[in-house]
N, C-alpha and C. Protein backbone atom coordinates (compact mmCIF):
# COMPACT_ATOMS: atom_id res chain seq x y z
N MET A 1 45.89 -8.55 -36.92
CA MET A 1 45.36 -7.36 -37.46
C MET A 1 43.90 -7.53 -37.76
N ILE A 2 43.49 -7.30 -38.94
CA ILE A 2 42.06 -7.40 -39.25
C ILE A 2 41.82 -8.71 -39.95
N ASP A 3 40.92 -9.50 -39.37
CA ASP A 3 40.52 -10.74 -40.01
C ASP A 3 39.31 -10.45 -40.87
N ARG A 4 39.31 -11.01 -41.99
CA ARG A 4 38.17 -10.83 -42.87
C ARG A 4 37.05 -11.77 -42.44
N ILE A 5 35.84 -11.23 -42.42
CA ILE A 5 34.66 -12.04 -42.10
C ILE A 5 34.06 -12.48 -43.41
N THR A 6 33.87 -13.76 -43.50
CA THR A 6 33.27 -14.27 -44.73
C THR A 6 31.76 -14.16 -44.60
N PRO A 7 31.09 -13.78 -45.67
CA PRO A 7 29.63 -13.63 -45.58
C PRO A 7 28.94 -14.97 -45.33
N ILE A 8 27.90 -14.91 -44.51
CA ILE A 8 27.10 -16.09 -44.19
C ILE A 8 26.01 -16.20 -45.24
N PRO A 9 25.81 -17.39 -45.78
CA PRO A 9 24.78 -17.52 -46.81
C PRO A 9 23.39 -17.30 -46.18
N PRO A 10 22.49 -16.60 -46.85
CA PRO A 10 21.16 -16.33 -46.29
C PRO A 10 20.33 -17.60 -46.16
N VAL A 11 19.54 -17.64 -45.08
CA VAL A 11 18.64 -18.77 -44.84
C VAL A 11 17.25 -18.36 -45.27
N ASP A 12 16.63 -19.18 -46.05
CA ASP A 12 15.29 -18.86 -46.54
C ASP A 12 14.26 -19.46 -45.57
N ARG A 13 14.09 -18.83 -44.40
CA ARG A 13 13.15 -19.31 -43.40
C ARG A 13 11.70 -19.10 -43.82
N LEU A 14 11.44 -18.12 -44.61
CA LEU A 14 10.07 -17.87 -45.03
C LEU A 14 9.50 -19.03 -45.82
N ALA A 15 10.34 -19.74 -46.49
CA ALA A 15 9.87 -20.88 -47.26
C ALA A 15 9.46 -22.02 -46.34
N GLN A 16 10.03 -22.06 -45.12
CA GLN A 16 9.73 -23.13 -44.18
C GLN A 16 8.48 -22.83 -43.34
N VAL A 17 8.10 -21.60 -43.18
CA VAL A 17 6.97 -21.21 -42.34
C VAL A 17 5.68 -21.25 -43.16
N GLU A 18 4.65 -21.84 -42.57
CA GLU A 18 3.36 -21.88 -43.26
C GLU A 18 2.77 -20.48 -43.33
N GLN A 19 2.07 -20.26 -44.39
CA GLN A 19 1.40 -18.97 -44.52
C GLN A 19 0.17 -18.95 -43.61
N VAL A 20 0.08 -17.95 -42.77
CA VAL A 20 -1.03 -17.82 -41.83
C VAL A 20 -1.97 -16.75 -42.36
N GLN A 21 -3.24 -17.12 -42.41
CA GLN A 21 -4.24 -16.17 -42.88
C GLN A 21 -4.63 -15.25 -41.73
N PRO A 22 -4.80 -13.98 -41.99
CA PRO A 22 -5.20 -13.07 -40.92
C PRO A 22 -6.62 -13.42 -40.44
N VAL A 23 -6.84 -13.24 -39.14
CA VAL A 23 -8.15 -13.51 -38.54
C VAL A 23 -9.04 -12.31 -38.81
N ARG A 24 -10.20 -12.60 -39.31
CA ARG A 24 -11.16 -11.52 -39.55
C ARG A 24 -12.01 -11.32 -38.32
N ARG A 25 -12.18 -10.10 -37.92
CA ARG A 25 -13.00 -9.79 -36.76
C ARG A 25 -14.44 -9.61 -37.22
N ARG A 26 -15.31 -10.19 -36.42
CA ARG A 26 -16.73 -9.98 -36.70
C ARG A 26 -17.11 -8.58 -36.27
N ASP A 27 -18.00 -8.00 -36.98
CA ASP A 27 -18.50 -6.69 -36.58
C ASP A 27 -19.63 -6.95 -35.59
N ALA A 28 -19.24 -7.11 -34.33
CA ALA A 28 -20.20 -7.52 -33.30
C ALA A 28 -20.81 -6.33 -32.56
N GLY A 29 -20.31 -5.16 -32.77
CA GLY A 29 -20.85 -4.00 -32.06
C GLY A 29 -20.11 -3.76 -30.77
N SER A 30 -20.78 -3.12 -29.86
CA SER A 30 -20.15 -2.75 -28.60
C SER A 30 -20.04 -3.95 -27.67
N PHE A 31 -19.23 -3.78 -26.63
CA PHE A 31 -19.06 -4.83 -25.64
C PHE A 31 -20.40 -5.18 -24.98
N GLY A 32 -21.18 -4.18 -24.65
CA GLY A 32 -22.49 -4.40 -24.03
C GLY A 32 -23.41 -5.24 -24.90
N THR A 33 -23.40 -4.98 -26.19
CA THR A 33 -24.22 -5.74 -27.13
C THR A 33 -23.77 -7.19 -27.16
N MET A 34 -22.46 -7.39 -27.22
CA MET A 34 -21.92 -8.75 -27.23
C MET A 34 -22.26 -9.48 -25.93
N LEU A 35 -22.15 -8.79 -24.81
CA LEU A 35 -22.45 -9.41 -23.52
C LEU A 35 -23.91 -9.82 -23.43
N GLN A 36 -24.81 -8.96 -23.87
CA GLN A 36 -26.23 -9.29 -23.85
C GLN A 36 -26.53 -10.51 -24.72
N ARG A 37 -25.88 -10.59 -25.88
CA ARG A 37 -26.07 -11.77 -26.76
C ARG A 37 -25.61 -13.04 -26.06
N GLU A 38 -24.48 -12.96 -25.39
CA GLU A 38 -23.95 -14.14 -24.69
C GLU A 38 -24.86 -14.54 -23.54
N ILE A 39 -25.38 -13.58 -22.80
CA ILE A 39 -26.29 -13.88 -21.70
C ILE A 39 -27.55 -14.54 -22.23
N GLN A 40 -28.08 -14.01 -23.31
CA GLN A 40 -29.30 -14.57 -23.88
C GLN A 40 -29.06 -15.97 -24.44
N SER A 41 -27.91 -16.20 -25.02
CA SER A 41 -27.65 -17.52 -25.58
C SER A 41 -27.34 -18.54 -24.49
N ALA A 42 -26.85 -18.08 -23.33
CA ALA A 42 -26.53 -19.00 -22.24
C ALA A 42 -27.79 -19.51 -21.55
N ALA A 43 -28.83 -18.69 -21.48
CA ALA A 43 -30.07 -19.10 -20.82
C ALA A 43 -31.05 -19.57 -21.88
N PRO A 44 -31.70 -20.72 -21.62
CA PRO A 44 -32.70 -21.18 -22.58
C PRO A 44 -33.82 -20.16 -22.74
N ALA A 45 -34.38 -20.11 -23.95
CA ALA A 45 -35.44 -19.15 -24.23
C ALA A 45 -36.61 -19.35 -23.28
N GLY A 46 -37.14 -18.25 -22.79
CA GLY A 46 -38.31 -18.31 -21.93
C GLY A 46 -38.01 -18.75 -20.50
N GLU A 47 -36.72 -18.90 -20.17
CA GLU A 47 -36.39 -19.33 -18.82
C GLU A 47 -36.73 -18.23 -17.84
N SER A 48 -37.37 -18.62 -16.77
CA SER A 48 -37.68 -17.66 -15.72
C SER A 48 -36.87 -18.02 -14.49
N PHE A 49 -36.64 -17.06 -13.66
CA PHE A 49 -35.88 -17.29 -12.44
C PHE A 49 -36.79 -17.96 -11.42
N SER A 50 -36.23 -18.89 -10.69
CA SER A 50 -37.00 -19.56 -9.66
C SER A 50 -36.36 -19.30 -8.31
N VAL A 51 -37.17 -19.39 -7.29
CA VAL A 51 -36.71 -19.14 -5.93
C VAL A 51 -37.15 -20.30 -5.07
N ALA A 52 -36.26 -20.73 -4.20
CA ALA A 52 -36.59 -21.79 -3.24
C ALA A 52 -36.23 -21.30 -1.84
N PHE A 53 -36.93 -21.79 -0.86
CA PHE A 53 -36.67 -21.43 0.53
C PHE A 53 -35.73 -22.47 1.14
N SER A 54 -34.73 -22.00 1.86
CA SER A 54 -33.88 -22.91 2.63
C SER A 54 -34.71 -23.47 3.78
N LYS A 55 -34.22 -24.51 4.40
CA LYS A 55 -34.93 -25.10 5.55
C LYS A 55 -35.10 -24.05 6.64
N HIS A 56 -34.05 -23.30 6.91
CA HIS A 56 -34.09 -22.24 7.92
C HIS A 56 -35.16 -21.20 7.58
N ALA A 57 -35.19 -20.78 6.32
CA ALA A 57 -36.15 -19.76 5.90
C ALA A 57 -37.59 -20.27 6.02
N LYS A 58 -37.81 -21.54 5.69
CA LYS A 58 -39.16 -22.12 5.84
C LYS A 58 -39.59 -22.10 7.29
N GLU A 59 -38.69 -22.50 8.18
CA GLU A 59 -39.01 -22.50 9.61
C GLU A 59 -39.31 -21.10 10.11
N ARG A 60 -38.51 -20.13 9.70
CA ARG A 60 -38.72 -18.74 10.13
C ARG A 60 -40.04 -18.18 9.60
N ALA A 61 -40.37 -18.51 8.37
CA ALA A 61 -41.63 -18.02 7.79
C ALA A 61 -42.81 -18.58 8.59
N GLU A 62 -42.77 -19.85 8.94
CA GLU A 62 -43.84 -20.44 9.73
C GLU A 62 -43.93 -19.81 11.11
N GLU A 63 -42.77 -19.66 11.78
CA GLU A 63 -42.73 -19.06 13.12
C GLU A 63 -43.27 -17.63 13.13
N ARG A 64 -43.01 -16.92 12.08
CA ARG A 64 -43.34 -15.49 12.03
C ARG A 64 -44.65 -15.21 11.32
N GLY A 65 -45.35 -16.24 10.93
CA GLY A 65 -46.67 -16.08 10.32
C GLY A 65 -46.63 -15.49 8.92
N ILE A 66 -45.57 -15.73 8.20
CA ILE A 66 -45.46 -15.23 6.83
C ILE A 66 -45.97 -16.31 5.90
N GLU A 67 -47.05 -16.02 5.21
CA GLU A 67 -47.66 -16.99 4.30
C GLU A 67 -46.94 -16.95 2.95
N VAL A 68 -46.46 -18.11 2.53
CA VAL A 68 -45.74 -18.23 1.26
C VAL A 68 -46.76 -18.64 0.20
N THR A 69 -47.17 -17.67 -0.60
CA THR A 69 -48.18 -17.90 -1.64
C THR A 69 -47.51 -17.89 -3.02
N PRO A 70 -48.22 -18.39 -4.03
CA PRO A 70 -47.67 -18.31 -5.39
C PRO A 70 -47.39 -16.87 -5.81
N ALA A 71 -48.22 -15.94 -5.37
CA ALA A 71 -48.00 -14.52 -5.70
C ALA A 71 -46.68 -14.02 -5.08
N LEU A 72 -46.44 -14.40 -3.84
CA LEU A 72 -45.19 -14.01 -3.17
C LEU A 72 -44.00 -14.64 -3.90
N MET A 73 -44.11 -15.90 -4.26
CA MET A 73 -43.01 -16.56 -4.97
C MET A 73 -42.72 -15.87 -6.30
N GLY A 74 -43.76 -15.41 -6.97
CA GLY A 74 -43.58 -14.65 -8.22
C GLY A 74 -42.87 -13.34 -7.97
N GLN A 75 -43.22 -12.65 -6.89
CA GLN A 75 -42.56 -11.39 -6.54
C GLN A 75 -41.09 -11.63 -6.22
N LEU A 76 -40.80 -12.69 -5.48
CA LEU A 76 -39.41 -12.99 -5.13
C LEU A 76 -38.60 -13.37 -6.37
N ALA A 77 -39.19 -14.15 -7.25
CA ALA A 77 -38.51 -14.52 -8.50
C ALA A 77 -38.22 -13.29 -9.35
N ASP A 78 -39.18 -12.36 -9.40
CA ASP A 78 -38.97 -11.12 -10.14
C ASP A 78 -37.84 -10.30 -9.51
N SER A 79 -37.80 -10.28 -8.18
CA SER A 79 -36.74 -9.56 -7.48
C SER A 79 -35.37 -10.16 -7.79
N VAL A 80 -35.30 -11.49 -7.81
CA VAL A 80 -34.04 -12.17 -8.12
C VAL A 80 -33.61 -11.86 -9.55
N GLU A 81 -34.56 -11.86 -10.47
CA GLU A 81 -34.24 -11.56 -11.86
C GLU A 81 -33.70 -10.15 -12.01
N ARG A 82 -34.36 -9.18 -11.38
CA ARG A 82 -33.90 -7.80 -11.47
C ARG A 82 -32.54 -7.61 -10.80
N ALA A 83 -32.34 -8.25 -9.66
CA ALA A 83 -31.06 -8.13 -8.95
C ALA A 83 -29.94 -8.81 -9.74
N SER A 84 -30.24 -9.93 -10.36
CA SER A 84 -29.25 -10.64 -11.17
C SER A 84 -28.81 -9.78 -12.35
N ALA A 85 -29.74 -9.07 -12.96
CA ALA A 85 -29.41 -8.20 -14.09
C ALA A 85 -28.46 -7.09 -13.67
N LYS A 86 -28.50 -6.71 -12.40
CA LYS A 86 -27.61 -5.66 -11.89
C LYS A 86 -26.33 -6.22 -11.28
N GLY A 87 -26.21 -7.54 -11.24
CA GLY A 87 -24.99 -8.15 -10.72
C GLY A 87 -24.96 -8.36 -9.22
N ALA A 88 -26.09 -8.24 -8.55
CA ALA A 88 -26.14 -8.43 -7.10
C ALA A 88 -26.01 -9.91 -6.76
N THR A 89 -25.46 -10.20 -5.59
CA THR A 89 -25.33 -11.59 -5.16
C THR A 89 -26.19 -11.91 -3.93
N ASN A 90 -26.32 -10.99 -3.00
CA ASN A 90 -27.16 -11.19 -1.82
C ASN A 90 -28.02 -9.94 -1.65
N ILE A 91 -29.34 -10.13 -1.67
CA ILE A 91 -30.23 -8.97 -1.63
C ILE A 91 -31.19 -9.06 -0.47
N LEU A 92 -31.73 -7.90 -0.13
CA LEU A 92 -32.85 -7.78 0.78
C LEU A 92 -34.05 -7.43 -0.07
N ALA A 93 -35.01 -8.34 -0.14
CA ALA A 93 -36.27 -8.07 -0.86
C ALA A 93 -37.31 -7.82 0.23
N PHE A 94 -37.99 -6.68 0.16
CA PHE A 94 -38.87 -6.32 1.26
C PHE A 94 -40.07 -5.52 0.81
N ASP A 95 -41.08 -5.49 1.66
CA ASP A 95 -42.20 -4.58 1.54
C ASP A 95 -42.50 -4.07 2.94
N ALA A 96 -43.66 -3.50 3.18
CA ALA A 96 -43.95 -2.88 4.46
C ALA A 96 -44.10 -3.90 5.60
N THR A 97 -44.42 -5.14 5.30
CA THR A 97 -44.73 -6.10 6.36
C THR A 97 -43.75 -7.26 6.49
N ARG A 98 -42.86 -7.45 5.54
CA ARG A 98 -41.97 -8.61 5.59
C ARG A 98 -40.69 -8.34 4.79
N ALA A 99 -39.65 -9.12 5.11
CA ALA A 99 -38.37 -8.97 4.42
C ALA A 99 -37.76 -10.35 4.20
N PHE A 100 -37.01 -10.47 3.13
CA PHE A 100 -36.37 -11.73 2.76
C PHE A 100 -34.94 -11.46 2.35
N ILE A 101 -34.00 -12.21 2.92
CA ILE A 101 -32.62 -12.16 2.46
C ILE A 101 -32.49 -13.31 1.46
N ILE A 102 -32.01 -12.98 0.24
CA ILE A 102 -31.97 -13.96 -0.84
C ILE A 102 -30.57 -14.00 -1.45
N ASN A 103 -30.05 -15.22 -1.64
CA ASN A 103 -28.82 -15.43 -2.37
C ASN A 103 -29.22 -15.52 -3.85
N VAL A 104 -28.84 -14.54 -4.63
CA VAL A 104 -29.29 -14.42 -6.02
C VAL A 104 -28.75 -15.54 -6.92
N PRO A 105 -27.43 -15.84 -6.92
CA PRO A 105 -26.95 -16.88 -7.84
C PRO A 105 -27.63 -18.24 -7.66
N HIS A 106 -27.99 -18.57 -6.43
CA HIS A 106 -28.62 -19.86 -6.16
C HIS A 106 -30.13 -19.76 -6.09
N GLY A 107 -30.68 -18.54 -6.13
CA GLY A 107 -32.13 -18.36 -6.06
C GLY A 107 -32.70 -18.93 -4.77
N ARG A 108 -32.00 -18.71 -3.67
CA ARG A 108 -32.40 -19.31 -2.41
C ARG A 108 -32.67 -18.24 -1.36
N VAL A 109 -33.87 -18.32 -0.75
CA VAL A 109 -34.21 -17.43 0.36
C VAL A 109 -33.48 -17.97 1.58
N ILE A 110 -32.66 -17.11 2.20
CA ILE A 110 -31.84 -17.51 3.33
C ILE A 110 -32.62 -17.36 4.65
N THR A 111 -33.32 -16.25 4.79
CA THR A 111 -34.12 -16.03 5.99
C THR A 111 -35.25 -15.06 5.71
N THR A 112 -36.20 -15.03 6.61
CA THR A 112 -37.35 -14.12 6.49
C THR A 112 -37.53 -13.37 7.79
N MET A 113 -38.15 -12.20 7.70
CA MET A 113 -38.43 -11.39 8.88
C MET A 113 -39.80 -10.76 8.76
N SER A 114 -40.42 -10.59 9.91
CA SER A 114 -41.70 -9.88 9.95
C SER A 114 -41.44 -8.40 10.17
N GLN A 115 -42.52 -7.62 10.16
CA GLN A 115 -42.41 -6.17 10.32
C GLN A 115 -41.76 -5.81 11.66
N GLU A 116 -42.15 -6.48 12.73
CA GLU A 116 -41.60 -6.18 14.05
C GLU A 116 -40.09 -6.41 14.10
N GLU A 117 -39.65 -7.50 13.48
CA GLU A 117 -38.22 -7.82 13.50
C GLU A 117 -37.41 -6.88 12.62
N MET A 118 -38.01 -6.37 11.57
CA MET A 118 -37.29 -5.44 10.69
C MET A 118 -36.92 -4.16 11.42
N GLN A 119 -37.75 -3.74 12.36
CA GLN A 119 -37.49 -2.49 13.08
C GLN A 119 -36.27 -2.60 13.98
N GLU A 120 -35.95 -3.80 14.43
CA GLU A 120 -34.85 -3.99 15.37
C GLU A 120 -33.56 -4.45 14.70
N ASN A 121 -33.57 -4.76 13.42
CA ASN A 121 -32.41 -5.36 12.77
C ASN A 121 -31.63 -4.40 11.90
N ILE A 122 -30.36 -4.71 11.79
CA ILE A 122 -29.47 -4.08 10.83
C ILE A 122 -29.15 -5.17 9.81
N PHE A 123 -29.25 -4.85 8.54
CA PHE A 123 -29.02 -5.82 7.48
C PHE A 123 -27.58 -5.69 7.00
N THR A 124 -26.84 -6.78 7.11
CA THR A 124 -25.44 -6.78 6.68
C THR A 124 -25.24 -7.86 5.62
N ASN A 125 -24.10 -7.80 4.99
CA ASN A 125 -23.71 -8.79 3.96
C ASN A 125 -24.70 -8.85 2.81
N ILE A 126 -25.28 -7.73 2.45
CA ILE A 126 -26.11 -7.66 1.26
C ILE A 126 -25.47 -6.63 0.33
N ASP A 127 -25.71 -6.81 -0.96
CA ASP A 127 -25.19 -5.83 -1.91
C ASP A 127 -26.29 -5.25 -2.77
N GLY A 128 -27.52 -5.41 -2.31
CA GLY A 128 -28.63 -4.81 -3.03
C GLY A 128 -29.90 -4.94 -2.23
N ALA A 129 -30.84 -4.08 -2.54
CA ALA A 129 -32.17 -4.13 -1.91
C ALA A 129 -33.20 -3.96 -3.02
N VAL A 130 -34.27 -4.75 -2.93
CA VAL A 130 -35.32 -4.70 -3.93
C VAL A 130 -36.66 -4.55 -3.22
N LEU A 131 -37.40 -3.56 -3.62
CA LEU A 131 -38.74 -3.35 -3.07
C LEU A 131 -39.68 -4.29 -3.80
N LEU A 132 -40.41 -5.12 -3.06
CA LEU A 132 -41.33 -6.07 -3.68
C LEU A 132 -42.48 -5.32 -4.31
N LYS A 133 -42.85 -5.73 -5.50
CA LYS A 133 -43.96 -5.09 -6.22
C LYS A 133 -45.25 -5.78 -5.90
């Protein structure tokens, strides 16, 4: 028929568990603000972007009569910095007379082109274009 169930004595598990303090959240602002802080803290203060030419790019620049001056290197570094801020990885940096394909994360010029070659080429595998200042 009906069996009686005997009550089970209560277990005091709360006494065995350590008291955990709630984690306080910092008032850090928006995600964008936090991201900018992290980017700034990751790069040393005053760090500027640098650009180097690959062996192939050096050879092409010489063949095509493109003079690599400190001013040009500054323009390319500025282009890499601006493209990096937008998240680009491979860019075309160009002006009216020359063009450079640059890998942004590595700061490396992959190849160069003169004005004549730019007219005949289609640029692929880039995710950004920067007009040289």
